[in-house]
Amino acid sequence: MTFALSGSPGGGAQTGFTSPTYTVAVDTAPQYNGKQFAVTALGGTQVGVTASSVGNPFTVNMIRPVTLKSAAPLRTNSNSLLQNNRNVWVMIIRKGGFVNTAAGIRGIMVTRTSWDIPAGMETESPAEIRASVSFQVGVGNNQSAGIGDMLVTGTS
């Protein structure tokens, strides 16, 4: 798997943050078909944010399908769309934080991103897969602060 973080990846713009960066280190993934990295240090201004610890994780885990499926045999519906032959990749980010600071109660936020790709598309239309990922990252970069504000304020 070519998913490999190193150094200090930059973060997207967020309200109240200045030039956020995240120093990462290889971590042990909870499953054998995954790769995990933990945030060991923070850069820029991120008041109230903590790096990963046992009780307060800040990790990213990339999970590949256990068995990659090929395009054959093809099963299509009446619109010639491939059915039930997909490879699903998942990225999970876990970030701990206080739910009730006064009581010392913590919780863990889980962010899941998945790529549900029809088997065979990786060989027949790799540029289409790359375009989808490029657009996803671009939307995330463009709307990072807006998404963060929406999740904090509850308004879209």
C-alpha atoms as a PDB file:
ATOM      1  CA  MET A   1       0.000   0.000   0.000  1.00  0.00           C
ATOM      2  CA  THR A   2       1.497   3.364  -0.980  1.00  0.00           C
ATOM      3  CA  PHE A   3      -0.286   5.441   1.683  1.00  0.00           C
ATOM      4  CA  ALA A   4       2.628   6.813   3.689  1.00  0.00           C
ATOM      5  CA  LEU A   5       2.629   9.975   5.760  1.00  0.00           C
ATOM      6  CA  SER A   6       5.914  11.473   6.864  1.00  0.00           C
ATOM      7  CA  GLY A   7       7.206  14.610   8.486  1.00  0.00           C
ATOM      8  CA  SER A   8       4.659  17.289   9.301  1.00  0.00           C
ATOM      9  CA  PRO A   9       1.747  17.412   6.862  1.00  0.00           C
ATOM     10  CA  GLY A  10       0.040  20.789   6.722  1.00  0.00           C
ATOM     11  CA  GLY A  11      -3.545  21.093   7.825  1.00  0.00           C
ATOM     12  CA  GLY A  12      -6.405  22.913   6.160  1.00  0.00           C
ATOM     13  CA  ALA A  13      -7.381  26.411   7.230  1.00  0.00           C
ATOM     14  CA  GLN A  14      -9.617  26.515  10.312  1.00  0.00           C
ATOM     15  CA  THR A  15     -11.194  29.339  12.267  1.00  0.00           C
ATOM     16  CA  GLY A  16      -8.796  30.160  15.132  1.00  0.00           C
ATOM     17  CA  PHE A  17      -5.879  28.142  13.728  1.00  0.00           C
ATOM     18  CA  THR A  18      -2.762  29.635  12.168  1.00  0.00           C
ATOM     19  CA  SER A  19      -0.660  27.475   9.810  1.00  0.00           C
ATOM     20  CA  PRO A  20      -1.566  24.120  11.410  1.00  0.00           C
ATOM     21  CA  THR A  21       0.851  21.224  10.940  1.00  0.00           C
ATOM     22  CA  TYR A  22       0.852  17.702  12.352  1.00  0.00           C
ATOM     23  CA  THR A  23       4.005  15.686  13.002  1.00  0.00           C
ATOM     24  CA  VAL A  24       3.209  12.010  12.503  1.00  0.00           C
ATOM     25  CA  ALA A  25       4.827   8.710  13.389  1.00  0.00           C
ATOM     26  CA  VAL A  26       4.046   5.170  12.298  1.00  0.00           C
ATOM     27  CA  ASP A  27       1.564   3.561  14.669  1.00  0.00           C
ATOM     28  CA  THR A  28       0.145   0.041  14.931  1.00  0.00           C
ATOM     29  CA  ALA A  29      -3.069  -0.365  12.960  1.00  0.00           C
ATOM     30  CA  PRO A  30      -5.861  -2.238  14.751  1.00  0.00           C
ATOM     31  CA  GLN A  31      -6.267  -4.550  11.736  1.00  0.00           C
ATOM     32  CA  TYR A  32      -3.712  -6.394   9.627  1.00  0.00           C
ATOM     33  CA  ASN A  33      -4.839  -4.830   6.337  1.00  0.00           C
ATOM     34  CA  GLY A  34      -4.341  -1.252   7.522  1.00  0.00           C
ATOM     35  CA  LYS A  35      -1.669   1.373   8.042  1.00  0.00           C
ATOM     36  CA  GLN A  36      -1.903   3.798  10.923  1.00  0.00           C
ATOM     37  CA  PHE A  37      -0.104   6.990  11.853  1.00  0.00           C
ATOM     38  CA  ALA A  38      -0.367   8.950  15.108  1.00  0.00           C
ATOM     39  CA  VAL A  39      -0.012  12.710  15.488  1.00  0.00           C
ATOM     40  CA  THR A  40       2.924  13.123  17.876  1.00  0.00           C
ATOM     41  CA  ALA A  41       3.307  16.912  17.786  1.00  0.00           C
ATOM     42  CA  LEU A  42       1.431  19.976  16.601  1.00  0.00           C
ATOM     43  CA  GLY A  43       2.729  23.021  14.755  1.00  0.00           C
ATOM     44  CA  GLY A  44       1.332  26.464  14.118  1.00  0.00           C
ATOM     45  CA  THR A  45      -1.278  27.906  16.447  1.00  0.00           C
ATOM     46  CA  GLN A  46      -3.904  25.348  17.539  1.00  0.00           C
ATOM     47  CA  VAL A  47      -5.049  26.426  21.001  1.00  0.00           C
ATOM     48  CA  GLY A  48      -6.821  23.608  22.840  1.00  0.00           C
ATOM     49  CA  VAL A  49      -5.570  20.812  20.559  1.00  0.00           C
ATOM     50  CA  THR A  50      -3.484  17.912  21.876  1.00  0.00           C
ATOM     51  CA  ALA A  51      -1.297  15.331  20.183  1.00  0.00           C
ATOM     52  CA  SER A  52      -2.136  11.634  20.345  1.00  0.00           C
ATOM     53  CA  SER A  53      -1.975   9.708  23.605  1.00  0.00           C
ATOM     54  CA  VAL A  54      -3.440   6.448  24.887  1.00  0.00           C
ATOM     55  CA  GLY A  55      -6.533   8.101  26.362  1.00  0.00           C
ATOM     56  CA  ASN A  56      -6.791  10.845  23.756  1.00  0.00           C
ATOM     57  CA  PRO A  57      -6.026   9.432  20.309  1.00  0.00           C
ATOM     58  CA  PHE A  58      -5.233  11.516  17.247  1.00  0.00           C
ATOM     59  CA  THR A  59      -4.651   8.953  14.499  1.00  0.00           C
ATOM     60  CA  VAL A  60      -5.297   8.260  10.837  1.00  0.00           C
ATOM     61  CA  ASN A  61      -5.816   4.680   9.673  1.00  0.00           C
ATOM     62  CA  MET A  62      -5.961   3.630   6.003  1.00  0.00           C
ATOM     63  CA  ILE A  63      -7.634   0.257   5.426  1.00  0.00           C
ATOM     64  CA  ARG A  64      -7.433  -1.684   2.175  1.00  0.00           C
ATOM     65  CA  PRO A  65      -9.855  -4.386   1.087  1.00  0.00           C
ATOM     66  CA  VAL A  66      -8.886  -7.799   2.485  1.00  0.00           C
ATOM     67  CA  THR A  67      -9.090  -9.287  -1.008  1.00  0.00           C
ATOM     68  CA  LEU A  68      -8.973  -7.060  -4.059  1.00  0.00           C
ATOM     69  CA  LYS A  69     -11.652  -8.036  -6.553  1.00  0.00           C
ATOM     70  CA  SER A  70     -11.107  -8.111 -10.293  1.00  0.00           C
ATOM     71  CA  ALA A  71     -13.584  -7.031 -12.960  1.00  0.00           C
ATOM     72  CA  ALA A  72     -14.611 -10.554 -13.993  1.00  0.00           C
ATOM     73  CA  PRO A  73     -17.246 -11.900 -13.930  1.00  0.00           C
ATOM     74  CA  LEU A  74     -19.172  -8.803 -14.864  1.00  0.00           C
ATOM     75  CA  ARG A  75     -22.740  -8.480 -13.626  1.00  0.00           C
ATOM     76  CA  THR A  76     -24.650  -5.451 -14.840  1.00  0.00           C
ATOM     77  CA  ASN A  77     -28.151  -4.089 -14.457  1.00  0.00           C
ATOM     78  CA  SER A  78     -30.388  -2.855 -17.282  1.00  0.00           C
ATOM     79  CA  ASN A  79     -28.403   0.420 -17.431  1.00  0.00           C
ATOM     80  CA  SER A  80     -25.077  -1.425 -17.926  1.00  0.00           C
ATOM     81  CA  LEU A  81     -23.845  -0.408 -14.471  1.00  0.00           C
ATOM     82  CA  LEU A  82     -21.607  -2.876 -12.681  1.00  0.00           C
ATOM     83  CA  GLN A  83     -23.249  -4.471  -9.642  1.00  0.00           C
ATOM     84  CA  ASN A  84     -21.887  -6.060  -6.460  1.00  0.00           C
ATOM     85  CA  ASN A  85     -18.256  -6.206  -7.514  1.00  0.00           C
ATOM     86  CA  ARG A  86     -16.549  -3.418  -5.612  1.00  0.00           C
ATOM     87  CA  ASN A  87     -13.337  -2.718  -3.727  1.00  0.00           C
ATOM     88  CA  VAL A  88     -13.905  -0.559  -0.643  1.00  0.00           C
ATOM     89  CA  TRP A  89     -11.009   1.377   0.873  1.00  0.00           C
ATOM     90  CA  VAL A  90     -11.537   3.253   4.149  1.00  0.00           C
ATOM     91  CA  MET A  91      -9.691   6.034   5.945  1.00  0.00           C
ATOM     92  CA  ILE A  92     -10.556   6.576   9.613  1.00  0.00           C
ATOM     93  CA  ILE A  93      -9.396   9.546  11.667  1.00  0.00           C
ATOM     94  CA  ARG A  94      -9.839   9.345  15.446  1.00  0.00           C
ATOM     95  CA  LYS A  95      -9.535  12.460  17.640  1.00  0.00           C
ATOM     96  CA  GLY A  96     -10.141  12.467  21.356  1.00  0.00           C
ATOM     97  CA  GLY A  97     -11.343  15.472  23.273  1.00  0.00           C
ATOM     98  CA  PHE A  98     -13.311  16.572  26.295  1.00  0.00           C
ATOM     99  CA  VAL A  99     -17.071  16.133  26.350  1.00  0.00           C
ATOM    100  CA  ASN A 100     -17.260  17.638  29.846  1.00  0.00           C
ATOM    101  CA  THR A 101     -14.058  19.356  30.950  1.00  0.00           C
ATOM    102  CA  ALA A 102     -15.177  19.984  34.530  1.00  0.00           C
ATOM    103  CA  ALA A 103     -15.977  16.296  35.051  1.00  0.00           C
ATOM    104  CA  GLY A 104     -12.920  15.148  33.084  1.00  0.00           C
ATOM    105  CA  ILE A 105     -15.077  13.163  30.642  1.00  0.00           C
ATOM    106  CA  ARG A 106     -13.547  12.498  27.233  1.00  0.00           C
ATOM    107  CA  GLY A 107     -14.973  11.191  23.996  1.00  0.00           C
ATOM    108  CA  ILE A 108     -13.523  10.144  20.638  1.00  0.00           C
ATOM    109  CA  MET A 109     -14.647  11.723  17.367  1.00  0.00           C
ATOM    110  CA  VAL A 110     -14.449   9.358  14.388  1.00  0.00           C
ATOM    111  CA  THR A 111     -14.245  10.622  10.797  1.00  0.00           C
ATOM    112  CA  ARG A 112     -14.669   7.989   8.070  1.00  0.00           C
ATOM    113  CA  THR A 113     -13.917   8.426   4.394  1.00  0.00           C
ATOM    114  CA  SER A 114     -14.488   5.526   2.043  1.00  0.00           C
ATOM    115  CA  TRP A 115     -13.806   4.901  -1.603  1.00  0.00           C
ATOM    116  CA  ASP A 116     -16.239   2.346  -3.061  1.00  0.00           C
ATOM    117  CA  ILE A 117     -14.677   1.550  -6.451  1.00  0.00           C
ATOM    118  CA  PRO A 118     -16.145  -0.822  -9.036  1.00  0.00           C
ATOM    119  CA  ALA A 119     -13.673  -3.654  -9.636  1.00  0.00           C
ATOM    120  CA  GLY A 120     -11.886  -3.100 -12.929  1.00  0.00           C
ATOM    121  CA  MET A 121     -12.191   0.684 -12.902  1.00  0.00           C
ATOM    122  CA  GLU A 122      -8.626   0.908 -11.541  1.00  0.00           C
ATOM    123  CA  THR A 123      -7.316  -0.564 -14.803  1.00  0.00           C
ATOM    124  CA  GLU A 124      -9.907   0.735 -17.292  1.00  0.00           C
ATOM    125  CA  SER A 125     -10.356   4.294 -15.952  1.00  0.00           C
ATOM    126  CA  PRO A 126      -7.532   5.142 -13.526  1.00  0.00           C
ATOM    127  CA  ALA A 127      -7.702   8.834 -14.473  1.00  0.00           C
ATOM    128  CA  GLU A 128     -11.359   8.935 -13.372  1.00  0.00           C
ATOM    129  CA  ILE A 129     -10.398   7.556  -9.940  1.00  0.00           C
ATOM    130  CA  ARG A 130      -7.578  10.089  -9.633  1.00  0.00           C
ATOM    131  CA  ALA A 131      -9.960  12.918 -10.666  1.00  0.00           C
ATOM    132  CA  SER A 132     -12.443  11.910  -7.962  1.00  0.00           C
ATOM    133  CA  VAL A 133      -9.737  11.877  -5.270  1.00  0.00           C
ATOM    134  CA  SER A 134      -8.297  15.158  -6.560  1.00  0.00           C
ATOM    135  CA  PHE A 135     -11.723  16.794  -6.387  1.00  0.00           C
ATOM    136  CA  GLN A 136     -12.354  15.373  -2.906  1.00  0.00           C
ATOM    137  CA  VAL A 137      -9.059  16.775  -1.587  1.00  0.00           C
ATOM    138  CA  GLY A 138      -9.694  20.097  -3.356  1.00  0.00           C
ATOM    139  CA  VAL A 139     -13.163  20.425  -1.822  1.00  0.00           C
ATOM    140  CA  GLY A 140     -11.701  19.563   1.595  1.00  0.00           C
ATOM    141  CA  ASN A 141      -8.944  22.151   1.225  1.00  0.00           C
ATOM    142  CA  ASN A 142     -11.365  24.765  -0.125  1.00  0.00           C
ATOM    143  CA  GLN A 143     -13.986  24.151   2.531  1.00  0.00           C
ATOM    144  CA  SER A 144     -11.850  23.088   5.518  1.00  0.00           C
ATOM    145  CA  ALA A 145     -12.808  26.063   7.697  1.00  0.00           C
ATOM    146  CA  GLY A 146     -16.427  25.944   6.524  1.00  0.00           C
ATOM    147  CA  ILE A 147     -16.734  22.255   7.404  1.00  0.00           C
ATOM    148  CA  GLY A 148     -15.084  22.838  10.784  1.00  0.00           C
ATOM    149  CA  ASP A 149     -17.377  25.804  11.504  1.00  0.00           C
ATOM    150  CA  MET A 150     -20.420  23.769  10.435  1.00  0.00           C
ATOM    151  CA  LEU A 151     -19.530  20.864  12.744  1.00  0.00           C
ATOM    152  CA  VAL A 152     -18.930  23.235  15.683  1.00  0.00           C
ATOM    153  CA  THR A 153     -21.875  25.630  15.189  1.00  0.00           C
ATOM    154  CA  GLY A 154     -24.420  23.174  13.756  1.00  0.00           C
ATOM    155  CA  THR A 155     -25.304  25.444  10.856  1.00  0.00           C
ATOM    156  CA  SER A 156     -24.608  24.674   7.225  1.00  0.00           C
END
